[in-house]
Amino acid sequence: MLKGIKWQVVILTFAVAFGGLFIGFQIYQNKLIPERISRDLKSVKFVKDVTIIAGDKGYDVKVKLDRVENLMETYGEIQEKIKKYPVKINLFILDNSDERLNNVYYNLQFALYEAIQKGDYLKMYDFVKELSQENGITSQVYIDEHNIYIDLRDDSHYLYKVIAR
């Protein structure tokens, strides 16, 4: 039954087929999926730019935001777009911060993490508003069942932070 088969042809056919499947998978994983994710995320209002890096354990997606009206809503829209992909996506939100905003956020972190531990979100909110006003910065604080959203603004600069609860 197997007398007339040329093993070289079988091995060559297997190698070509396997190589074709491997190349196709690489194109799908490194080109097609990132392009779809990028296109979907760019359709969200206030998204300026999307950078995607394919890694061994999923994709690192960096989303550059413009000034948003409501950070919690915009982040929620981004999360909804990401959920439909059956791959691991690590999301990073990029803003337009400066040293002043970073310093204020650094000083806010203690109240933020204390609120997460103790559940005293009203105290945290008051502290964020007070410290922001002292520094001449506009602030918005949003909260949902998953995250705390901090939006600090100073002239043309803005800082966005999403902290898991």
C-alpha atoms as a PDB file:
ATOM      1  CA  MET A   1       0.000   0.000   0.000  1.00  0.00           C
ATOM      2  CA  LEU A   2       2.775   2.476   0.820  1.00  0.00           C
ATOM      3  CA  LYS A   3       5.256   1.180  -1.779  1.00  0.00           C
ATOM      4  CA  GLY A   4       4.760   3.872  -4.405  1.00  0.00           C
ATOM      5  CA  ILE A   5       4.887   6.889  -2.051  1.00  0.00           C
ATOM      6  CA  LYS A   6       7.915   9.094  -2.293  1.00  0.00           C
ATOM      7  CA  TRP A   7       8.765  10.096   1.280  1.00  0.00           C
ATOM      8  CA  GLN A   8      10.625  13.178   0.136  1.00  0.00           C
ATOM      9  CA  VAL A   9       7.418  14.503  -1.439  1.00  0.00           C
ATOM     10  CA  VAL A  10       5.409  13.743   1.711  1.00  0.00           C
ATOM     11  CA  ILE A  11       7.943  15.494   3.938  1.00  0.00           C
ATOM     12  CA  LEU A  12       8.191  18.466   1.573  1.00  0.00           C
ATOM     13  CA  THR A  13       4.379  18.743   1.383  1.00  0.00           C
ATOM     14  CA  PHE A  14       4.109  18.593   5.171  1.00  0.00           C
ATOM     15  CA  ALA A  15       6.833  21.245   5.591  1.00  0.00           C
ATOM     16  CA  VAL A  16       5.191  23.582   3.067  1.00  0.00           C
ATOM     17  CA  ALA A  17       1.744  23.130   4.627  1.00  0.00           C
ATOM     18  CA  PHE A  18       3.074  23.616   8.165  1.00  0.00           C
ATOM     19  CA  GLY A  19       5.120  26.632   7.066  1.00  0.00           C
ATOM     20  CA  GLY A  20       2.098  28.163   5.351  1.00  0.00           C
ATOM     21  CA  LEU A  21      -0.052  27.697   8.445  1.00  0.00           C
ATOM     22  CA  PHE A  22       2.664  29.137  10.682  1.00  0.00           C
ATOM     23  CA  ILE A  23       3.151  32.191   8.461  1.00  0.00           C
ATOM     24  CA  GLY A  24      -0.607  32.703   8.242  1.00  0.00           C
ATOM     25  CA  PHE A  25      -0.945  32.556  12.015  1.00  0.00           C
ATOM     26  CA  GLN A  26       1.910  35.029  12.470  1.00  0.00           C
ATOM     27  CA  ILE A  27       0.318  37.471  10.027  1.00  0.00           C
ATOM     28  CA  TYR A  28      -3.031  37.096  11.798  1.00  0.00           C
ATOM     29  CA  GLN A  29      -1.518  37.552  15.248  1.00  0.00           C
ATOM     30  CA  ASN A  30       0.945  40.343  14.481  1.00  0.00           C
ATOM     31  CA  LYS A  31      -0.855  42.287  11.769  1.00  0.00           C
ATOM     32  CA  LEU A  32      -4.583  41.605  11.432  1.00  0.00           C
ATOM     33  CA  ILE A  33      -5.645  41.509  15.104  1.00  0.00           C
ATOM     34  CA  PRO A  34      -3.640  44.638  16.063  1.00  0.00           C
ATOM     35  CA  GLU A  35      -5.097  46.503  13.066  1.00  0.00           C
ATOM     36  CA  ARG A  36      -8.649  45.555  14.087  1.00  0.00           C
ATOM     37  CA  ILE A  37      -8.072  46.537  17.704  1.00  0.00           C
ATOM     38  CA  SER A  38      -6.522  49.833  16.635  1.00  0.00           C
ATOM     39  CA  ARG A  39      -9.376  50.604  14.228  1.00  0.00           C
ATOM     40  CA  ASP A  40     -11.990  49.804  16.898  1.00  0.00           C
ATOM     41  CA  LEU A  41     -10.305  51.913  19.557  1.00  0.00           C
ATOM     42  CA  LYS A  42      -9.777  54.863  17.230  1.00  0.00           C
ATOM     43  CA  SER A  43     -13.532  54.937  16.693  1.00  0.00           C
ATOM     44  CA  VAL A  44     -14.005  55.879  20.369  1.00  0.00           C
ATOM     45  CA  LYS A  45     -14.515  59.594  20.874  1.00  0.00           C
ATOM     46  CA  PHE A  46     -11.476  61.369  22.422  1.00  0.00           C
ATOM     47  CA  VAL A  47      -8.978  58.665  21.385  1.00  0.00           C
ATOM     48  CA  LYS A  48      -6.089  60.420  19.644  1.00  0.00           C
ATOM     49  CA  ASP A  49      -3.755  57.534  18.924  1.00  0.00           C
ATOM     50  CA  VAL A  50      -3.366  53.806  19.550  1.00  0.00           C
ATOM     51  CA  THR A  51      -0.092  51.884  19.731  1.00  0.00           C
ATOM     52  CA  ILE A  52      -0.150  48.096  19.934  1.00  0.00           C
ATOM     53  CA  ILE A  53       2.789  45.857  20.745  1.00  0.00           C
ATOM     54  CA  ALA A  54       2.332  42.100  20.393  1.00  0.00           C
ATOM     55  CA  GLY A  55       4.098  40.176  23.121  1.00  0.00           C
ATOM     56  CA  ASP A  56       4.358  36.600  24.321  1.00  0.00           C
ATOM     57  CA  LYS A  57       1.482  37.046  26.750  1.00  0.00           C
ATOM     58  CA  GLY A  58      -0.945  39.110  24.710  1.00  0.00           C
ATOM     59  CA  TYR A  59      -0.934  42.685  23.487  1.00  0.00           C
ATOM     60  CA  ASP A  60       0.156  45.896  25.181  1.00  0.00           C
ATOM     61  CA  VAL A  61      -2.248  48.562  23.978  1.00  0.00           C
ATOM     62  CA  LYS A  62      -1.344  52.199  24.631  1.00  0.00           C
ATOM     63  CA  VAL A  63      -4.232  54.581  24.079  1.00  0.00           C
ATOM     64  CA  LYS A  64      -3.432  58.293  23.868  1.00  0.00           C
ATOM     65  CA  LEU A  65      -6.447  60.324  24.937  1.00  0.00           C
ATOM     66  CA  ASP A  66      -7.340  63.884  24.146  1.00  0.00           C
ATOM     67  CA  ARG A  67      -9.221  65.955  26.725  1.00  0.00           C
ATOM     68  CA  VAL A  68     -12.221  63.859  27.644  1.00  0.00           C
ATOM     69  CA  GLU A  69     -15.604  64.977  28.911  1.00  0.00           C
ATOM     70  CA  ASN A  70     -15.978  62.032  31.292  1.00  0.00           C
ATOM     71  CA  LEU A  71     -13.006  59.727  31.896  1.00  0.00           C
ATOM     72  CA  MET A  72     -15.159  56.924  33.316  1.00  0.00           C
ATOM     73  CA  GLU A  73     -17.412  56.823  30.233  1.00  0.00           C
ATOM     74  CA  THR A  74     -14.511  56.986  27.777  1.00  0.00           C
ATOM     75  CA  TYR A  75     -12.630  54.237  29.629  1.00  0.00           C
ATOM     76  CA  GLY A  76     -15.808  52.141  29.673  1.00  0.00           C
ATOM     77  CA  GLU A  77     -16.192  52.505  25.904  1.00  0.00           C
ATOM     78  CA  ILE A  78     -12.576  51.449  25.417  1.00  0.00           C
ATOM     79  CA  GLN A  79     -13.090  48.419  27.671  1.00  0.00           C
ATOM     80  CA  GLU A  80     -16.219  47.398  25.711  1.00  0.00           C
ATOM     81  CA  LYS A  81     -14.239  47.462  22.464  1.00  0.00           C
ATOM     82  CA  ILE A  82     -11.442  45.384  24.013  1.00  0.00           C
ATOM     83  CA  LYS A  83     -13.775  42.755  25.515  1.00  0.00           C
ATOM     84  CA  LYS A  84     -14.786  41.372  22.142  1.00  0.00           C
ATOM     85  CA  TYR A  85     -11.268  40.105  21.387  1.00  0.00           C
ATOM     86  CA  PRO A  86     -10.388  36.623  22.668  1.00  0.00           C
ATOM     87  CA  VAL A  87      -6.810  37.620  23.479  1.00  0.00           C
ATOM     88  CA  LYS A  88      -5.147  39.097  26.552  1.00  0.00           C
ATOM     89  CA  ILE A  89      -4.922  42.871  26.244  1.00  0.00           C
ATOM     90  CA  ASN A  90      -3.002  45.038  28.714  1.00  0.00           C
ATOM     91  CA  LEU A  91      -4.427  48.556  28.461  1.00  0.00           C
ATOM     92  CA  PHE A  92      -2.361  51.661  29.183  1.00  0.00           C
ATOM     93  CA  ILE A  93      -3.963  55.111  29.114  1.00  0.00           C
ATOM     94  CA  LEU A  94      -1.642  57.911  28.001  1.00  0.00           C
ATOM     95  CA  ASP A  95      -2.363  61.538  28.796  1.00  0.00           C
ATOM     96  CA  ASN A  96      -0.643  64.900  28.461  1.00  0.00           C
ATOM     97  CA  SER A  97       0.712  65.352  31.966  1.00  0.00           C
ATOM     98  CA  ASP A  98       3.387  67.657  33.295  1.00  0.00           C
ATOM     99  CA  GLU A  99       5.488  67.781  36.461  1.00  0.00           C
ATOM    100  CA  ARG A 100       2.956  69.853  38.373  1.00  0.00           C
ATOM    101  CA  LEU A 101       0.095  67.426  37.716  1.00  0.00           C
ATOM    102  CA  ASN A 102       2.339  64.449  38.505  1.00  0.00           C
ATOM    103  CA  ASN A 103       3.284  66.002  41.851  1.00  0.00           C
ATOM    104  CA  VAL A 104      -0.336  66.621  42.778  1.00  0.00           C
ATOM    105  CA  TYR A 105      -1.243  63.068  41.803  1.00  0.00           C
ATOM    106  CA  TYR A 106       1.660  61.739  43.869  1.00  0.00           C
ATOM    107  CA  ASN A 107       0.277  63.569  46.909  1.00  0.00           C
ATOM    108  CA  LEU A 108      -3.225  62.234  46.176  1.00  0.00           C
ATOM    109  CA  GLN A 109      -2.167  58.597  46.080  1.00  0.00           C
ATOM    110  CA  PHE A 110      -2.151  58.217  49.858  1.00  0.00           C
ATOM    111  CA  ALA A 111      -5.790  59.286  50.119  1.00  0.00           C
ATOM    112  CA  LEU A 112      -6.768  57.175  47.113  1.00  0.00           C
ATOM    113  CA  TYR A 113      -5.300  53.949  48.415  1.00  0.00           C
ATOM    114  CA  GLU A 114      -6.515  54.620  51.939  1.00  0.00           C
ATOM    115  CA  ALA A 115     -10.036  55.050  50.555  1.00  0.00           C
ATOM    116  CA  ILE A 116      -9.741  51.736  48.723  1.00  0.00           C
ATOM    117  CA  GLN A 117      -8.659  50.022  51.951  1.00  0.00           C
ATOM    118  CA  LYS A 118     -11.147  51.702  54.306  1.00  0.00           C
ATOM    119  CA  GLY A 119     -13.991  52.438  51.910  1.00  0.00           C
ATOM    120  CA  ASP A 120     -14.142  56.134  52.863  1.00  0.00           C
ATOM    121  CA  TYR A 121     -14.601  57.543  49.367  1.00  0.00           C
ATOM    122  CA  LEU A 122     -16.226  60.799  50.469  1.00  0.00           C
ATOM    123  CA  LYS A 123     -13.137  61.703  52.492  1.00  0.00           C
ATOM    124  CA  MET A 124     -10.968  60.870  49.459  1.00  0.00           C
ATOM    125  CA  TYR A 125     -13.163  62.972  47.179  1.00  0.00           C
ATOM    126  CA  ASP A 126     -12.948  65.967  49.528  1.00  0.00           C
ATOM    127  CA  PHE A 127      -9.164  65.592  49.777  1.00  0.00           C
ATOM    128  CA  VAL A 128      -8.766  65.424  45.991  1.00  0.00           C
ATOM    129  CA  LYS A 129     -10.900  68.556  45.530  1.00  0.00           C
ATOM    130  CA  GLU A 130      -9.108  70.455  48.315  1.00  0.00           C
ATOM    131  CA  LEU A 131      -5.580  69.611  47.156  1.00  0.00           C
ATOM    132  CA  SER A 132      -6.476  70.388  43.550  1.00  0.00           C
ATOM    133  CA  GLN A 133      -7.911  73.784  44.455  1.00  0.00           C
ATOM    134  CA  GLU A 134      -4.839  74.621  46.563  1.00  0.00           C
ATOM    135  CA  ASN A 135      -2.682  73.996  43.486  1.00  0.00           C
ATOM    136  CA  GLY A 136      -4.956  75.781  41.010  1.00  0.00           C
ATOM    137  CA  ILE A 137      -5.846  72.553  39.232  1.00  0.00           C
ATOM    138  CA  THR A 138      -9.249  71.401  38.025  1.00  0.00           C
ATOM    139  CA  SER A 139     -10.134  67.891  39.127  1.00  0.00           C
ATOM    140  CA  GLN A 140     -12.825  65.324  38.449  1.00  0.00           C
ATOM    141  CA  VAL A 141     -13.244  62.111  40.396  1.00  0.00           C
ATOM    142  CA  TYR A 142     -15.408  59.266  39.147  1.00  0.00           C
ATOM    143  CA  ILE A 143     -16.023  55.923  40.772  1.00  0.00           C
ATOM    144  CA  ASP A 144     -17.741  52.717  39.746  1.00  0.00           C
ATOM    145  CA  GLU A 145     -17.792  49.153  41.030  1.00  0.00           C
ATOM    146  CA  HIS A 146     -14.371  48.409  39.505  1.00  0.00           C
ATOM    147  CA  ASN A 147     -12.256  51.580  39.442  1.00  0.00           C
ATOM    148  CA  ILE A 148     -11.581  55.086  40.663  1.00  0.00           C
ATOM    149  CA  TYR A 149     -10.980  57.564  37.827  1.00  0.00           C
ATOM    150  CA  ILE A 150      -8.888  60.691  38.433  1.00  0.00           C
ATOM    151  CA  ASP A 151      -8.901  63.524  35.900  1.00  0.00           C
ATOM    152  CA  LEU A 152      -6.579  66.457  36.716  1.00  0.00           C
ATOM    153  CA  ARG A 153      -6.266  69.480  34.414  1.00  0.00           C
ATOM    154  CA  ASP A 154      -3.968  72.466  34.288  1.00  0.00           C
ATOM    155  CA  ASP A 155      -4.136  74.690  31.219  1.00  0.00           C
ATOM    156  CA  SER A 156      -3.215  72.516  28.213  1.00  0.00           C
ATOM    157  CA  HIS A 157      -2.028  69.601  30.361  1.00  0.00           C
ATOM    158  CA  TYR A 158      -4.176  66.798  31.708  1.00  0.00           C
ATOM    159  CA  LEU A 159      -3.531  63.668  33.745  1.00  0.00           C
ATOM    160  CA  TYR A 160      -5.759  60.582  33.692  1.00  0.00           C
ATOM    161  CA  LYS A 161      -5.432  57.732  36.158  1.00  0.00           C
ATOM    162  CA  VAL A 162      -7.591  54.645  36.496  1.00  0.00           C
ATOM    163  CA  ILE A 163      -7.075  52.856  39.796  1.00  0.00           C
ATOM    164  CA  ALA A 164      -8.587  49.420  40.390  1.00  0.00           C
ATOM    165  CA  ARG A 165     -10.649  49.150  43.589  1.00  0.00           C
END
